[in-house]
N, C-alpha and C. Protein backbone atom coordinates (compact mmCIF):
# COMPACT_ATOMS: atom_id res chain seq x y z
N MET A 1 10.23 -23.62 23.62
CA MET A 1 10.52 -22.29 24.14
C MET A 1 9.76 -22.11 25.44
N ALA A 2 10.41 -21.65 26.45
CA ALA A 2 9.78 -21.47 27.75
C ALA A 2 8.85 -20.27 27.71
N SER A 3 7.79 -20.34 28.53
CA SER A 3 6.84 -19.24 28.56
C SER A 3 7.47 -18.01 29.19
N THR A 4 7.25 -16.87 28.55
CA THR A 4 7.82 -15.62 29.04
C THR A 4 6.75 -14.71 29.60
N GLY A 5 5.49 -15.16 29.56
CA GLY A 5 4.40 -14.32 30.03
C GLY A 5 3.92 -13.35 28.96
N ARG A 6 4.60 -13.31 27.81
CA ARG A 6 4.19 -12.45 26.71
C ARG A 6 3.21 -13.22 25.83
N PRO A 7 2.26 -12.50 25.22
CA PRO A 7 1.39 -13.18 24.26
C PRO A 7 2.23 -13.78 23.15
N GLY A 8 1.87 -14.97 22.72
CA GLY A 8 2.58 -15.64 21.64
C GLY A 8 3.67 -16.56 22.11
N ALA A 9 4.08 -16.47 23.38
CA ALA A 9 5.09 -17.37 23.92
C ALA A 9 4.38 -18.66 24.30
N ASN A 10 4.42 -19.63 23.41
CA ASN A 10 3.77 -20.92 23.59
C ASN A 10 2.25 -20.87 23.61
N GLN A 11 1.66 -19.74 23.25
CA GLN A 11 0.21 -19.67 23.15
C GLN A 11 -0.15 -18.77 21.98
N PRO A 12 -1.22 -19.12 21.27
CA PRO A 12 -1.59 -18.31 20.10
C PRO A 12 -2.00 -16.89 20.48
N ILE A 13 -1.77 -15.98 19.54
CA ILE A 13 -2.18 -14.59 19.70
C ILE A 13 -3.38 -14.36 18.80
N ASN A 14 -4.42 -13.73 19.34
CA ASN A 14 -5.60 -13.40 18.56
C ASN A 14 -5.21 -12.44 17.44
N VAL A 15 -5.84 -12.59 16.28
CA VAL A 15 -5.51 -11.75 15.12
C VAL A 15 -5.67 -10.26 15.44
N GLN A 16 -6.72 -9.90 16.14
CA GLN A 16 -6.93 -8.49 16.48
C GLN A 16 -5.79 -7.95 17.34
N GLU A 17 -5.35 -8.73 18.31
CA GLU A 17 -4.23 -8.31 19.15
C GLU A 17 -2.94 -8.23 18.32
N ALA A 18 -2.79 -9.16 17.37
CA ALA A 18 -1.61 -9.15 16.50
C ALA A 18 -1.58 -7.88 15.65
N LYS A 19 -2.74 -7.44 15.17
CA LYS A 19 -2.80 -6.19 14.40
C LYS A 19 -2.33 -5.02 15.24
N THR A 20 -2.76 -4.99 16.49
CA THR A 20 -2.42 -3.90 17.38
C THR A 20 -0.93 -3.87 17.71
N HIS A 21 -0.31 -5.04 17.83
CA HIS A 21 1.08 -5.14 18.27
C HIS A 21 2.00 -5.70 17.18
N LEU A 22 1.65 -5.47 15.91
CA LEU A 22 2.40 -6.10 14.81
C LEU A 22 3.89 -5.75 14.84
N SER A 23 4.23 -4.50 15.05
CA SER A 23 5.66 -4.11 15.06
C SER A 23 6.44 -4.88 16.12
N ALA A 24 5.88 -4.99 17.31
CA ALA A 24 6.56 -5.71 18.39
C ALA A 24 6.66 -7.20 18.06
N LEU A 25 5.61 -7.76 17.46
CA LEU A 25 5.64 -9.18 17.09
C LEU A 25 6.69 -9.43 16.02
N LEU A 26 6.79 -8.53 15.04
CA LEU A 26 7.79 -8.70 13.99
C LEU A 26 9.21 -8.60 14.54
N ALA A 27 9.41 -7.77 15.54
CA ALA A 27 10.73 -7.68 16.18
C ALA A 27 11.07 -9.01 16.85
N ARG A 28 10.09 -9.63 17.49
CA ARG A 28 10.33 -10.94 18.13
C ARG A 28 10.61 -12.01 17.08
N VAL A 29 9.89 -11.96 15.97
CA VAL A 29 10.12 -12.93 14.90
C VAL A 29 11.52 -12.73 14.32
N ALA A 30 11.92 -11.48 14.12
CA ALA A 30 13.26 -11.20 13.60
C ALA A 30 14.34 -11.73 14.54
N ALA A 31 14.02 -11.84 15.83
CA ALA A 31 14.98 -12.37 16.81
C ALA A 31 14.95 -13.90 16.85
N GLY A 32 14.10 -14.52 16.00
CA GLY A 32 14.10 -15.98 15.89
C GLY A 32 12.89 -16.68 16.47
N GLU A 33 11.96 -15.94 17.06
CA GLU A 33 10.78 -16.55 17.68
C GLU A 33 9.73 -16.89 16.61
N ARG A 34 8.97 -17.95 16.86
CA ARG A 34 7.84 -18.31 16.02
C ARG A 34 6.58 -17.96 16.78
N ILE A 35 5.65 -17.29 16.11
CA ILE A 35 4.43 -16.83 16.78
C ILE A 35 3.22 -17.37 16.03
N VAL A 36 2.30 -17.98 16.77
CA VAL A 36 1.07 -18.53 16.19
C VAL A 36 -0.05 -17.52 16.34
N LEU A 37 -0.78 -17.29 15.24
CA LEU A 37 -1.94 -16.41 15.26
C LEU A 37 -3.21 -17.25 15.26
N SER A 38 -4.22 -16.78 15.98
CA SER A 38 -5.46 -17.54 16.06
C SER A 38 -6.66 -16.64 15.78
N ARG A 39 -7.75 -17.28 15.36
CA ARG A 39 -9.03 -16.60 15.18
C ARG A 39 -10.05 -17.46 15.90
N HIS A 40 -10.79 -16.85 16.80
CA HIS A 40 -11.80 -17.56 17.60
C HIS A 40 -11.17 -18.74 18.34
N GLY A 41 -9.94 -18.54 18.82
CA GLY A 41 -9.28 -19.56 19.62
C GLY A 41 -8.65 -20.70 18.83
N LYS A 42 -8.74 -20.67 17.49
CA LYS A 42 -8.17 -21.74 16.67
C LYS A 42 -6.97 -21.21 15.90
N PRO A 43 -5.83 -21.90 16.00
CA PRO A 43 -4.64 -21.47 15.27
C PRO A 43 -4.90 -21.45 13.76
N ILE A 44 -4.50 -20.34 13.11
CA ILE A 44 -4.74 -20.23 11.67
C ILE A 44 -3.47 -19.88 10.88
N ALA A 45 -2.47 -19.32 11.55
CA ALA A 45 -1.26 -18.92 10.83
C ALA A 45 -0.09 -18.85 11.80
N GLN A 46 1.09 -18.76 11.21
CA GLN A 46 2.30 -18.68 12.03
C GLN A 46 3.24 -17.64 11.44
N LEU A 47 3.76 -16.78 12.28
CA LEU A 47 4.80 -15.83 11.88
C LEU A 47 6.13 -16.49 12.19
N VAL A 48 6.97 -16.64 11.17
CA VAL A 48 8.26 -17.30 11.34
C VAL A 48 9.35 -16.47 10.66
N PRO A 49 10.56 -16.53 11.18
CA PRO A 49 11.64 -15.79 10.52
C PRO A 49 11.97 -16.41 9.17
N LEU A 50 12.33 -15.57 8.21
CA LEU A 50 12.73 -16.05 6.89
C LEU A 50 14.15 -16.58 6.95
N GLU A 51 14.41 -17.60 6.15
CA GLU A 51 15.76 -18.11 6.02
C GLU A 51 16.55 -17.11 5.18
N PRO A 52 17.76 -16.79 5.57
CA PRO A 52 18.54 -15.85 4.74
C PRO A 52 18.82 -16.46 3.38
N LYS A 53 18.70 -15.64 2.34
CA LYS A 53 19.00 -16.10 0.99
C LYS A 53 20.51 -16.15 0.80
N PRO A 54 20.99 -17.21 0.15
CA PRO A 54 22.44 -17.25 -0.08
C PRO A 54 22.84 -16.14 -1.06
N ARG A 55 23.99 -15.60 -0.83
CA ARG A 55 24.50 -14.53 -1.70
C ARG A 55 24.83 -15.12 -3.07
N ARG A 56 24.35 -14.45 -4.12
CA ARG A 56 24.61 -14.90 -5.47
C ARG A 56 25.94 -14.33 -5.96
N GLU A 57 26.69 -15.18 -6.63
CA GLU A 57 27.98 -14.75 -7.15
C GLU A 57 27.88 -14.54 -8.65
N LEU A 58 28.46 -13.47 -9.12
CA LEU A 58 28.51 -13.23 -10.56
C LEU A 58 29.66 -14.02 -11.15
N GLY A 59 29.51 -14.38 -12.39
CA GLY A 59 30.58 -15.08 -13.07
C GLY A 59 30.64 -16.55 -12.75
N PHE A 60 29.52 -17.14 -12.33
CA PHE A 60 29.54 -18.55 -11.96
C PHE A 60 29.46 -19.47 -13.18
N MET A 61 29.12 -18.91 -14.36
CA MET A 61 29.03 -19.72 -15.57
C MET A 61 30.32 -19.57 -16.37
N GLN A 62 30.77 -20.65 -16.94
CA GLN A 62 31.97 -20.60 -17.76
C GLN A 62 31.59 -20.15 -19.16
N GLY A 63 32.53 -19.56 -19.86
CA GLY A 63 32.31 -19.14 -21.23
C GLY A 63 31.93 -17.68 -21.29
N SER A 64 31.53 -17.27 -22.48
CA SER A 64 31.15 -15.88 -22.67
C SER A 64 30.07 -15.80 -23.74
N VAL A 65 29.47 -14.65 -23.84
CA VAL A 65 28.43 -14.41 -24.83
C VAL A 65 29.00 -13.46 -25.86
N GLU A 66 28.88 -13.83 -27.11
CA GLU A 66 29.39 -12.98 -28.19
C GLU A 66 28.52 -11.73 -28.31
N GLY A 67 29.10 -10.64 -28.76
CA GLY A 67 28.38 -9.38 -28.94
C GLY A 67 27.21 -9.51 -29.90
N GLU A 68 27.31 -10.42 -30.84
CA GLU A 68 26.24 -10.67 -31.81
C GLU A 68 24.93 -11.08 -31.12
N PHE A 69 25.04 -11.70 -29.98
CA PHE A 69 23.87 -12.15 -29.23
C PHE A 69 22.93 -10.99 -28.90
N PHE A 70 23.49 -9.82 -28.67
CA PHE A 70 22.73 -8.67 -28.25
C PHE A 70 22.18 -7.84 -29.42
N GLU A 71 22.52 -8.20 -30.63
CA GLU A 71 22.03 -7.49 -31.81
C GLU A 71 20.55 -7.81 -32.02
N PRO A 72 19.77 -6.86 -32.58
CA PRO A 72 18.35 -7.15 -32.86
C PRO A 72 18.22 -8.31 -33.84
N LEU A 73 17.14 -9.06 -33.69
CA LEU A 73 16.88 -10.18 -34.60
C LEU A 73 16.42 -9.64 -35.95
N PRO A 74 16.71 -10.38 -37.01
CA PRO A 74 16.23 -9.96 -38.33
C PRO A 74 14.70 -9.99 -38.37
N ASN A 75 14.13 -9.18 -39.26
CA ASN A 75 12.66 -9.08 -39.35
C ASN A 75 11.99 -10.43 -39.62
N ASP A 76 12.59 -11.25 -40.52
CA ASP A 76 11.95 -12.54 -40.82
C ASP A 76 11.91 -13.43 -39.57
N GLU A 77 12.92 -13.35 -38.72
CA GLU A 77 12.91 -14.14 -37.47
C GLU A 77 11.84 -13.61 -36.50
N LEU A 78 11.74 -12.30 -36.40
CA LEU A 78 10.71 -11.71 -35.54
C LEU A 78 9.32 -12.11 -36.00
N GLU A 79 9.08 -12.14 -37.32
CA GLU A 79 7.77 -12.54 -37.85
C GLU A 79 7.44 -13.98 -37.49
N ARG A 80 8.44 -14.87 -37.53
CA ARG A 80 8.21 -16.27 -37.16
C ARG A 80 7.80 -16.40 -35.69
N TRP A 81 8.24 -15.47 -34.85
CA TRP A 81 7.88 -15.48 -33.44
C TRP A 81 6.60 -14.70 -33.19
N GLY A 82 6.04 -14.09 -34.23
CA GLY A 82 4.79 -13.34 -34.08
C GLY A 82 4.99 -11.99 -33.42
N VAL A 83 6.20 -11.47 -33.56
CA VAL A 83 6.49 -10.16 -32.93
C VAL A 83 6.36 -9.06 -33.95
């Protein structure tokens, strides 16, 4: 990434400065930028955009569950489980 003259563009940002400008840094991260945070001039962390989670589809399993499955367990079964 080419230097833009902004803190974090190819150079670490001090943690204190990151606290002060967190909203602006998060906007840059949301736009795809990676930002390195430093403490005492040493890189310690990186702000990176999250990978989007794939959308989950309902009904992906074949078959069905019988209504009996949802009935309470008998007391003797519950006792065996220590419930």
